[in-house]
Amino acid sequence: MVDLAPQAAAPPQVSAVSPVRRYYVLGLLTAIYALNFLDRTIFNVLIEPIKKEFALSDTMMGLLAGFGFVLFYSTLGIPIARVADRINRRNIVAAALAFWSAMTFCCGLASSVTSLALARIGVGIGESAGTPASQSLVANLFNKNERPRALGIYAIGTYLGVFLGYFIGGWVNQHYGWRMAFMAAGLPGVGLAAVLWLTVSEPKRGAADPATAAIKPEPLGATLSFLFTQKTFVIVLIGFCLTTYTNYATSAWIPPFLARVHHLTSAQIGTYAGTFKGLFGMAGTLAGGLIVARISRSDDRWKLWAPAIMSGLAGPVFAVCMLTSDFSTMVAALALTSFLVGFHLGPIFAIAQTVARPSMRALASAIVLLTATCFGQGVGPLAVGMISDGLKASYGADAVRYALLSAGVTTTLGSLLFVWAAHAIRADIARAAS
């Protein structure tokens, strides 16, 4: 068993856990996060066959892709995160992973829209518990300056899951049907939950923080009061909601866009979307974590300036992706958009942990993730579906192309908020460490 308990007294800002152990746990949590997004994303590549089998509209598919997932994700995430700030986080992550994986498998057994929606809700319940506790674990293993890199690596799981979801969904659906695709996506999580349970122990809270950092649990009211008086936290939260809209709207509707506008088969969609959205998104996420960790050592404002620049560039590049009629140009623009949009994930996750005290990190993470997911995944796919339905009479198959342009607008607005938040970040970091 990998024992994460400190081996000796650690100086401020230096973790007492060996690098091998820290990166083993980081790698394992990243793989779990990838399964999180695999189980979300696979639905997106299966929108067309599910829509056909159950005779549904784009608006209804948007509800299933987004709102059906976030309904209980948002309801349960905050209380579970509050518990995670007090009890064993390893146990929470393992149990959550096993549950959402089982619910993904059950999506393949759905005999009606109602049973499919209930299974999607089950996936949301499980995933609401996993990520806040995981990010809190990572923050206990890496100090303030290491966190953008560590959480950048962790955030690779987002696009690794997207990559796997598109590939598994596209290829398994083409050869064995959409039900088997859900089953194939759900099975690996149960085994990985057992690996986490057997090989990782709970680390000491605050081990990688200054000795003066508060580690005693605080009342909920005091915790919320502290977080929402951190100007950086509030502005980043709003900005992240907007950029998350971009991520989830494109994840849900790029596969139908490729099918309707560029006439790709299911397997081709899995290949192109998985490669150019998934792999380039992973590259952007890794680059964001590594670059921001390096350039922000001398000035913490770069933790937000760099994500702002890249998120701002993503808007016009994505507009090119949607509006061009040339397939090669579309693919290149999709790849570049995925790189630019992925860049900000690790640094923003790190901000949520760094401007919060150690005793409230799971809750801070949950607030950011759940609020952004509710807006991004709850509103993004639904809004694009509604706009697409509204434009269908005038534009036919091209309606989804114009509906997706809203995702280019939101990432640009999010970048402006990141710039604004950078003005307060140094004072807020100092306050969290006091």
Protein backbone atom coordinates (compact mmCIF):
# COMPACT_ATOMS: atom_id res chain seq x y z
CA MET A 1 0.00 0.00 0.00
CA VAL A 2 1.21 3.48 -0.81
CA ASP A 3 1.29 5.27 2.54
CA LEU A 4 0.68 8.97 2.13
CA ALA A 5 1.12 9.88 5.77
CA PRO A 6 3.99 12.37 6.22
CA GLN A 7 7.32 10.67 6.86
CA ALA A 8 8.80 13.54 8.82
CA ALA A 9 8.06 17.12 9.77
CA ALA A 10 7.81 19.14 6.59
CA PRO A 11 8.90 22.76 6.19
CA PRO A 12 6.33 25.23 4.94
CA GLN A 13 5.22 24.76 1.34
CA VAL A 14 7.07 21.42 0.94
CA SER A 15 5.20 18.12 0.94
CA ALA A 16 6.68 15.36 3.12
CA VAL A 17 5.44 12.66 0.73
CA SER A 18 8.03 11.33 -1.72
CA PRO A 19 7.74 12.44 -5.38
CA VAL A 20 7.12 8.86 -6.54
CA ARG A 21 4.20 8.46 -4.16
CA ARG A 22 2.76 11.86 -4.94
CA TYR A 23 2.83 11.30 -8.69
CA TYR A 24 1.48 7.76 -8.36
CA VAL A 25 -1.59 9.12 -6.60
CA LEU A 26 -1.84 12.00 -9.07
CA GLY A 27 -1.70 9.55 -11.99
CA LEU A 28 -4.35 7.32 -10.44
CA LEU A 29 -6.69 10.25 -9.73
CA THR A 30 -6.13 11.51 -13.29
CA ALA A 31 -7.18 8.11 -14.66
CA ILE A 32 -10.30 8.24 -12.48
CA TYR A 33 -11.06 11.74 -13.74
CA ALA A 34 -10.68 10.42 -17.29
CA LEU A 35 -13.33 7.79 -16.58
CA ASN A 36 -15.51 10.59 -15.21
CA PHE A 37 -15.43 12.30 -18.59
CA LEU A 38 -15.52 9.07 -20.57
CA ASP A 39 -18.83 8.25 -18.92
CA ARG A 40 -20.17 11.76 -19.62
CA THR A 41 -18.83 12.12 -23.17
CA ILE A 42 -19.86 8.78 -24.59
CA PHE A 43 -23.47 9.96 -24.53
CA ASN A 44 -22.57 12.79 -26.91
CA VAL A 45 -21.25 10.59 -29.69
CA LEU A 46 -24.38 8.44 -29.34
CA ILE A 47 -26.84 11.34 -29.70
CA GLU A 48 -27.78 10.47 -33.30
CA PRO A 49 -28.62 6.75 -32.78
CA ILE A 50 -30.43 7.43 -29.48
CA LYS A 51 -32.39 10.27 -31.09
CA LYS A 52 -33.38 7.98 -33.95
CA GLU A 53 -34.40 5.02 -31.76
CA PHE A 54 -36.57 7.09 -29.40
CA ALA A 55 -37.70 9.68 -32.05
CA LEU A 56 -36.54 12.72 -30.03
CA SER A 57 -35.90 16.39 -30.87
CA ASP A 58 -32.57 18.21 -30.51
CA THR A 59 -34.00 20.03 -27.49
CA MET A 60 -34.80 16.73 -25.76
CA MET A 61 -31.33 15.38 -26.58
CA GLY A 62 -29.86 18.55 -25.09
CA LEU A 63 -31.85 17.92 -21.92
CA LEU A 64 -30.59 14.35 -21.69
CA ALA A 65 -27.00 15.33 -22.46
CA GLY A 66 -26.97 18.16 -19.92
CA PHE A 67 -29.83 18.73 -17.55
CA GLY A 68 -30.51 15.04 -16.89
CA PHE A 69 -26.90 14.71 -15.73
CA VAL A 70 -26.57 17.86 -13.64
CA LEU A 71 -29.93 17.63 -11.84
CA PHE A 72 -28.60 15.60 -8.93
CA TYR A 73 -24.94 16.41 -9.60
CA SER A 74 -25.67 19.94 -8.43
CA THR A 75 -27.98 18.94 -5.57
CA LEU A 76 -25.63 16.48 -3.88
CA GLY A 77 -22.20 17.84 -4.75
CA ILE A 78 -21.96 20.54 -2.08
CA PRO A 79 -23.03 18.40 0.92
CA ILE A 80 -20.76 15.54 -0.19
CA ALA A 81 -17.85 17.98 -0.54
CA ARG A 82 -18.58 19.30 2.95
CA VAL A 83 -18.28 15.75 4.25
CA ALA A 84 -15.05 15.29 2.24
CA ASP A 85 -13.48 18.21 4.14
CA ARG A 86 -13.91 16.13 7.31
CA ILE A 87 -13.62 12.40 6.56
CA ASN A 88 -11.57 10.00 4.44
CA ARG A 89 -11.52 11.32 0.87
CA ARG A 90 -10.01 8.16 -0.59
CA ASN A 91 -13.10 6.21 0.46
CA ILE A 92 -15.43 8.81 -1.07
CA VAL A 93 -13.66 8.76 -4.44
CA ALA A 94 -13.56 4.94 -4.60
CA ALA A 95 -17.25 4.54 -3.75
CA ALA A 96 -18.28 7.31 -6.14
CA LEU A 97 -16.29 5.80 -9.03
CA ALA A 98 -17.83 2.36 -8.56
CA PHE A 99 -21.34 3.84 -8.45
CA TRP A 100 -21.16 6.10 -11.51
CA SER A 101 -19.51 3.33 -13.53
CA ALA A 102 -22.39 0.99 -12.67
CA MET A 103 -24.89 3.67 -13.71
CA THR A 104 -23.10 4.14 -17.05
CA PHE A 105 -23.44 0.41 -17.66
CA CYS A 106 -27.16 0.72 -16.85
CA CYS A 107 -27.55 3.37 -19.58
CA GLY A 108 -26.99 0.53 -22.04
CA LEU A 109 -29.91 -1.38 -20.52
CA ALA A 110 -32.38 1.50 -20.88
CA SER A 111 -35.65 0.49 -22.53
CA SER A 112 -37.19 3.98 -22.61
CA VAL A 113 -36.31 7.67 -22.44
CA THR A 114 -37.32 7.65 -18.76
CA SER A 115 -35.00 4.81 -17.78
CA LEU A 116 -32.15 6.38 -19.76
CA ALA A 117 -32.71 9.71 -17.99
CA LEU A 118 -32.72 7.98 -14.59
CA ALA A 119 -29.45 6.22 -15.38
CA ARG A 120 -27.93 9.54 -16.46
CA ILE A 121 -29.05 11.06 -13.17
CA GLY A 122 -27.30 8.17 -11.41
CA VAL A 123 -24.08 8.96 -13.27
CA GLY A 124 -24.42 12.57 -12.09
CA ILE A 125 -24.92 11.50 -8.47
CA GLY A 126 -21.74 9.43 -8.49
CA GLU A 127 -19.61 12.00 -10.28
CA SER A 128 -20.71 14.80 -7.94
CA ALA A 129 -18.73 13.12 -5.15
CA GLY A 130 -15.54 12.19 -6.96
CA THR A 131 -13.89 15.33 -8.29
CA PRO A 132 -13.97 17.73 -5.28
CA ALA A 133 -12.48 15.07 -3.01
CA SER A 134 -9.86 14.19 -5.65
CA GLN A 135 -8.78 17.81 -6.09
CA SER A 136 -8.54 18.23 -2.32
CA LEU A 137 -6.22 15.21 -2.20
CA VAL A 138 -4.02 16.68 -4.94
CA ALA A 139 -3.84 20.03 -3.13
CA ASN A 140 -2.60 18.24 -0.01
CA LEU A 141 0.27 16.71 -1.97
CA PHE A 142 1.53 19.76 -3.93
CA ASN A 143 2.29 23.26 -2.72
CA LYS A 144 1.03 26.60 -4.05
CA ASN A 145 3.56 26.86 -6.89
CA GLU A 146 3.30 23.19 -7.84
CA ARG A 147 -0.50 23.11 -8.00
CA PRO A 148 -0.97 24.59 -11.50
CA ARG A 149 1.29 21.84 -12.87
CA ALA A 150 -0.24 19.07 -10.73
CA LEU A 151 -3.82 20.08 -11.41
CA GLY A 152 -2.91 20.64 -15.07
CA ILE A 153 -1.85 16.99 -15.20
CA TYR A 154 -5.03 16.04 -13.34
CA ALA A 155 -7.14 18.06 -15.78
CA ILE A 156 -5.72 16.00 -18.67
CA GLY A 157 -8.33 13.52 -17.52
CA THR A 158 -10.98 15.80 -19.00
CA TYR A 159 -9.72 15.39 -22.55
CA LEU A 160 -8.43 11.85 -22.10
CA GLY A 161 -12.00 10.95 -21.16
CA VAL A 162 -13.34 12.91 -24.14
CA PHE A 163 -10.86 11.12 -26.41
CA LEU A 164 -11.83 7.68 -25.08
CA GLY A 165 -15.53 8.53 -25.07
CA TYR A 166 -15.54 9.54 -28.71
CA PHE A 167 -13.45 6.57 -29.82
CA ILE A 168 -15.26 3.91 -27.78
CA GLY A 169 -18.64 5.42 -28.52
CA GLY A 170 -17.99 5.85 -32.24
CA TRP A 171 -16.43 2.48 -32.96
CA VAL A 172 -18.44 0.27 -30.60
CA ASN A 173 -21.68 1.91 -31.75
CA GLN A 174 -20.87 1.33 -35.41
CA HIS A 175 -20.12 -2.37 -34.88
CA TYR A 176 -22.22 -3.39 -31.86
CA GLY A 177 -24.76 -0.61 -31.24
CA TRP A 178 -25.11 2.25 -28.76
CA ARG A 179 -26.17 0.05 -25.84
CA MET A 180 -22.96 -1.98 -25.95
CA ALA A 181 -20.96 1.28 -26.07
CA PHE A 182 -22.38 2.34 -22.70
CA MET A 183 -21.62 -1.07 -21.20
CA ALA A 184 -18.03 -1.01 -22.46
CA ALA A 185 -17.55 2.45 -20.93
CA GLY A 186 -18.92 1.48 -17.53
CA LEU A 187 -16.98 -1.68 -16.77
CA PRO A 188 -13.39 -0.36 -16.18
CA GLY A 189 -14.39 1.94 -13.31
CA VAL A 190 -15.21 -0.84 -10.87
CA GLY A 191 -11.70 -2.30 -11.18
CA LEU A 192 -10.01 1.08 -10.84
CA ALA A 193 -12.05 1.81 -7.70
CA ALA A 194 -10.59 -1.34 -6.14
CA VAL A 195 -7.03 -0.27 -7.09
CA LEU A 196 -7.54 3.11 -5.38
CA TRP A 197 -9.00 1.49 -2.27
CA LEU A 198 -6.15 -1.02 -1.93
CA THR A 199 -3.11 1.11 -2.78
CA VAL A 200 -3.73 4.65 -1.47
CA SER A 201 -4.05 5.97 2.08
CA GLU A 202 -5.53 9.28 3.19
CA PRO A 203 -2.90 12.08 3.41
CA LYS A 204 -2.68 14.59 6.22
CA ARG A 205 -4.56 17.82 5.44
CA GLY A 206 -2.41 20.90 5.00
CA ALA A 207 0.84 18.93 4.64
CA ALA A 208 1.99 21.00 1.63
CA ASP A 209 0.95 24.37 3.06
CA PRO A 210 2.62 26.96 5.29
CA ALA A 211 2.59 26.10 8.96
CA THR A 212 0.33 29.09 9.58
CA ALA A 213 -2.41 27.86 7.22
CA ALA A 214 -5.68 27.02 8.92
CA ILE A 215 -6.51 23.30 8.94
CA LYS A 216 -9.23 23.19 11.58
CA PRO A 217 -12.67 22.66 9.99
CA GLU A 218 -14.75 25.83 10.11
CA PRO A 219 -18.57 26.17 10.26
CA LEU A 220 -20.32 26.19 6.90
CA GLY A 221 -21.40 29.82 7.26
CA ALA A 222 -17.88 30.99 8.01
CA THR A 223 -16.49 28.92 5.14
CA LEU A 224 -18.94 30.33 2.61
CA SER A 225 -18.41 33.84 3.95
CA PHE A 226 -14.65 33.51 3.49
CA LEU A 227 -14.86 32.08 -0.04
CA PHE A 228 -17.37 34.61 -1.31
CA THR A 229 -15.38 37.53 0.08
CA GLN A 230 -12.40 36.31 -1.95
CA LYS A 231 -12.82 38.50 -5.04
CA THR A 232 -10.69 36.18 -7.15
CA PHE A 233 -12.84 33.18 -6.26
CA VAL A 234 -16.10 34.90 -7.21
CA ILE A 235 -14.94 36.38 -10.53
CA VAL A 236 -13.13 33.19 -11.58
CA LEU A 237 -16.27 31.22 -10.72
CA ILE A 238 -18.35 33.31 -13.14
CA GLY A 239 -15.67 33.22 -15.84
CA PHE A 240 -15.28 29.47 -15.51
CA CYS A 241 -19.04 29.02 -15.94
CA LEU A 242 -18.76 30.75 -19.31
CA THR A 243 -15.74 28.77 -20.53
CA THR A 244 -17.36 25.56 -19.30
CA TYR A 245 -20.37 26.33 -21.49
CA THR A 246 -17.92 26.29 -24.40
CA ASN A 247 -16.48 22.94 -23.38
CA TYR A 248 -19.76 21.13 -22.80
CA ALA A 249 -21.67 22.66 -25.72
CA THR A 250 -18.93 21.61 -28.14
CA SER A 251 -18.49 18.18 -26.55
CA ALA A 252 -22.20 17.46 -26.96
CA TRP A 253 -22.80 18.91 -30.43
CA ILE A 254 -19.53 18.45 -32.35
CA PRO A 255 -20.47 14.81 -33.16
CA PRO A 256 -23.91 15.78 -34.61
CA PHE A 257 -22.19 18.69 -36.40
CA LEU A 258 -19.75 16.27 -38.04
CA ALA A 259 -22.58 13.90 -38.96
CA ARG A 260 -25.01 16.47 -40.34
CA VAL A 261 -22.73 19.06 -41.92
CA HIS A 262 -19.73 16.95 -42.96
CA HIS A 263 -21.56 13.60 -43.35
CA LEU A 264 -19.17 11.43 -41.32
CA THR A 265 -20.02 7.92 -40.14
CA SER A 266 -20.08 6.99 -36.44
CA ALA A 267 -16.58 5.49 -36.56
CA GLN A 268 -15.23 8.50 -38.46
CA ILE A 269 -16.76 10.83 -35.88
CA GLY A 270 -15.05 8.84 -33.13
CA THR A 271 -11.73 9.11 -34.95
CA TYR A 272 -11.86 12.80 -35.89
CA ALA A 273 -13.55 14.12 -32.75
CA GLY A 274 -11.47 11.92 -30.48
CA THR A 275 -8.19 12.86 -32.12
CA PHE A 276 -8.66 16.54 -32.81
CA LYS A 277 -10.77 17.47 -29.81
CA GLY A 278 -9.56 14.89 -27.29
CA LEU A 279 -5.82 14.69 -27.99
CA PHE A 280 -5.32 18.38 -28.70
CA GLY A 281 -7.39 19.22 -25.63
CA MET A 282 -5.04 17.02 -23.57
CA ALA A 283 -2.03 18.80 -25.06
CA GLY A 284 -3.49 22.20 -24.21
CA THR A 285 -4.34 21.15 -20.67
CA LEU A 286 -0.85 19.78 -20.03
CA ALA A 287 0.77 22.86 -21.59
CA GLY A 288 -1.40 25.14 -19.46
CA GLY A 289 -0.40 23.46 -16.24
CA LEU A 290 3.31 23.34 -17.06
CA ILE A 291 3.60 26.85 -18.52
CA VAL A 292 1.57 28.60 -15.84
CA ALA A 293 3.44 26.80 -13.05
CA ARG A 294 6.69 28.17 -14.48
CA ILE A 295 5.76 31.74 -15.45
CA SER A 296 3.68 32.45 -12.34
CA ARG A 297 6.45 31.81 -9.81
CA SER A 298 7.53 35.44 -9.92
CA ASP A 299 4.04 36.93 -10.29
CA ASP A 300 0.85 35.12 -9.25
CA ARG A 301 -1.20 37.18 -11.69
CA TRP A 302 0.09 35.03 -14.55
CA LYS A 303 -2.02 32.22 -13.05
CA LEU A 304 -4.94 34.09 -14.63
CA TRP A 305 -3.37 36.23 -17.34
CA ALA A 306 -2.19 33.21 -19.34
CA PRO A 307 -5.56 31.38 -19.22
CA ALA A 308 -7.26 34.66 -20.22
CA ILE A 309 -5.10 35.06 -23.32
CA MET A 310 -5.68 31.51 -24.52
CA SER A 311 -9.42 31.45 -23.77
CA GLY A 312 -9.82 34.76 -25.60
CA LEU A 313 -8.07 33.42 -28.71
CA ALA A 314 -10.34 30.36 -28.73
CA GLY A 315 -13.44 32.39 -29.69
CA PRO A 316 -12.44 33.56 -33.18
CA VAL A 317 -10.67 30.28 -33.95
CA PHE A 318 -13.85 28.36 -33.14
CA ALA A 319 -15.87 30.69 -35.36
CA VAL A 320 -13.59 29.69 -38.25
CA CYS A 321 -14.16 26.03 -37.35
CA MET A 322 -17.92 26.44 -37.59
CA LEU A 323 -18.16 28.69 -40.64
CA THR A 324 -15.61 27.22 -43.04
CA SER A 325 -16.81 24.86 -45.75
CA ASP A 326 -13.36 23.29 -46.16
CA PHE A 327 -13.04 20.05 -44.18
CA SER A 328 -9.28 20.33 -43.60
CA THR A 329 -9.59 23.90 -42.32
CA MET A 330 -12.44 22.83 -40.02
CA VAL A 331 -10.38 20.00 -38.55
CA ALA A 332 -7.34 22.24 -38.01
CA ALA A 333 -9.48 24.92 -36.34
CA LEU A 334 -11.17 22.29 -34.15
CA ALA A 335 -7.76 21.03 -33.03
CA LEU A 336 -6.49 24.55 -32.24
CA THR A 337 -9.72 25.47 -30.43
CA SER A 338 -9.43 22.35 -28.27
CA PHE A 339 -5.82 23.24 -27.39
CA LEU A 340 -6.73 26.83 -26.47
CA VAL A 341 -9.84 25.93 -24.47
CA GLY A 342 -8.01 23.16 -22.59
CA PHE A 343 -5.17 25.47 -21.53
CA HIS A 344 -7.06 27.13 -18.67
CA LEU A 345 -8.37 24.07 -16.83
CA GLY A 346 -5.39 23.23 -14.58
CA PRO A 347 -4.65 26.85 -13.59
CA ILE A 348 -8.32 27.55 -12.78
CA PHE A 349 -8.59 24.38 -10.68
CA ALA A 350 -5.43 25.49 -8.87
CA ILE A 351 -6.85 28.96 -8.21
CA ALA A 352 -9.89 27.46 -6.49
CA GLN A 353 -7.59 25.50 -4.18
CA THR A 354 -5.04 28.27 -3.59
CA VAL A 355 -7.41 31.08 -2.60
CA ALA A 356 -9.20 28.71 -0.17
CA ARG A 357 -7.87 27.57 3.20
CA PRO A 358 -6.87 23.88 3.53
CA SER A 359 -9.93 23.15 5.68
CA MET A 360 -12.31 24.22 2.93
CA ARG A 361 -10.70 23.02 -0.29
CA ALA A 362 -13.12 20.23 -1.17
CA LEU A 363 -16.01 22.64 -0.70
CA ALA A 364 -14.27 25.35 -2.78
CA SER A 365 -13.64 22.83 -5.54
CA ALA A 366 -17.22 21.61 -5.38
CA ILE A 367 -18.64 25.13 -5.64
CA VAL A 368 -16.53 25.87 -8.71
CA LEU A 369 -17.10 22.53 -10.39
CA LEU A 370 -20.77 22.18 -9.61
CA THR A 371 -21.70 25.75 -10.49
CA ALA A 372 -19.71 25.61 -13.72
CA THR A 373 -21.04 22.17 -14.60
CA CYS A 374 -24.63 23.21 -13.92
CA PHE A 375 -24.24 26.18 -16.21
CA GLY A 376 -21.92 24.58 -18.75
CA GLN A 377 -23.42 21.12 -19.06
CA GLY A 378 -26.94 22.01 -17.95
CA VAL A 379 -27.34 25.10 -20.13
CA GLY A 380 -24.76 24.58 -22.92
CA PRO A 381 -26.09 21.45 -24.68
CA LEU A 382 -29.69 22.50 -24.06
CA ALA A 383 -29.18 26.04 -25.40
CA VAL A 384 -27.45 24.80 -28.54
CA GLY A 385 -30.20 22.19 -29.06
CA MET A 386 -32.93 24.82 -28.68
CA ILE A 387 -31.19 27.26 -31.03
CA SER A 388 -30.66 24.44 -33.53
CA ASP A 389 -34.35 23.51 -33.43
CA GLY A 390 -35.27 27.17 -33.86
CA LEU A 391 -33.02 27.59 -36.90
CA LYS A 392 -33.80 24.26 -38.52
CA ALA A 393 -36.65 25.56 -40.68
CA SER A 394 -34.36 28.19 -42.22
CA TYR A 395 -31.01 26.40 -42.34
CA GLY A 396 -31.76 22.67 -42.25
CA ALA A 397 -28.73 20.58 -41.35
CA ASP A 398 -26.60 23.73 -41.04
CA ALA A 399 -28.68 24.90 -38.05
CA VAL A 400 -26.35 23.13 -35.62
CA ARG A 401 -23.38 24.99 -37.17
CA TYR A 402 -24.86 28.39 -36.32
CA ALA A 403 -26.19 27.27 -32.94
CA LEU A 404 -22.66 26.26 -31.90
CA LEU A 405 -21.32 29.78 -32.53
CA SER A 406 -22.64 30.71 -29.07
CA ALA A 407 -19.77 28.66 -27.64
CA GLY A 408 -17.25 31.02 -29.24
CA VAL A 409 -18.89 33.99 -27.54
CA THR A 410 -18.83 32.49 -24.03
CA THR A 411 -15.13 31.62 -24.02
CA THR A 412 -14.30 35.21 -25.04
CA LEU A 413 -16.40 36.64 -22.21
CA GLY A 414 -14.80 34.22 -19.76
CA SER A 415 -11.33 35.41 -20.73
CA LEU A 416 -12.25 39.00 -19.88
CA LEU A 417 -13.36 37.95 -16.40
CA PHE A 418 -10.05 36.11 -15.83
CA VAL A 419 -8.21 39.36 -16.58
CA TRP A 420 -10.38 41.18 -14.06
CA ALA A 421 -9.80 38.53 -11.38
CA ALA A 422 -6.02 38.80 -11.77
CA HIS A 423 -6.08 42.22 -10.07
CA ALA A 424 -7.06 40.65 -6.72
CA ILE A 425 -5.24 37.32 -6.78
CA ARG A 426 -2.12 38.27 -4.79
CA ALA A 427 -4.08 39.73 -1.88
CA ASP A 428 -6.47 36.76 -1.87
CA ILE A 429 -3.65 34.19 -1.79
CA ALA A 430 -2.08 35.99 1.17
CA ARG A 431 -5.43 36.07 2.99
CA ALA A 432 -5.97 32.32 2.46
CA ALA A 433 -2.52 31.57 3.92
CA SER A 434 -3.05 33.73 7.03
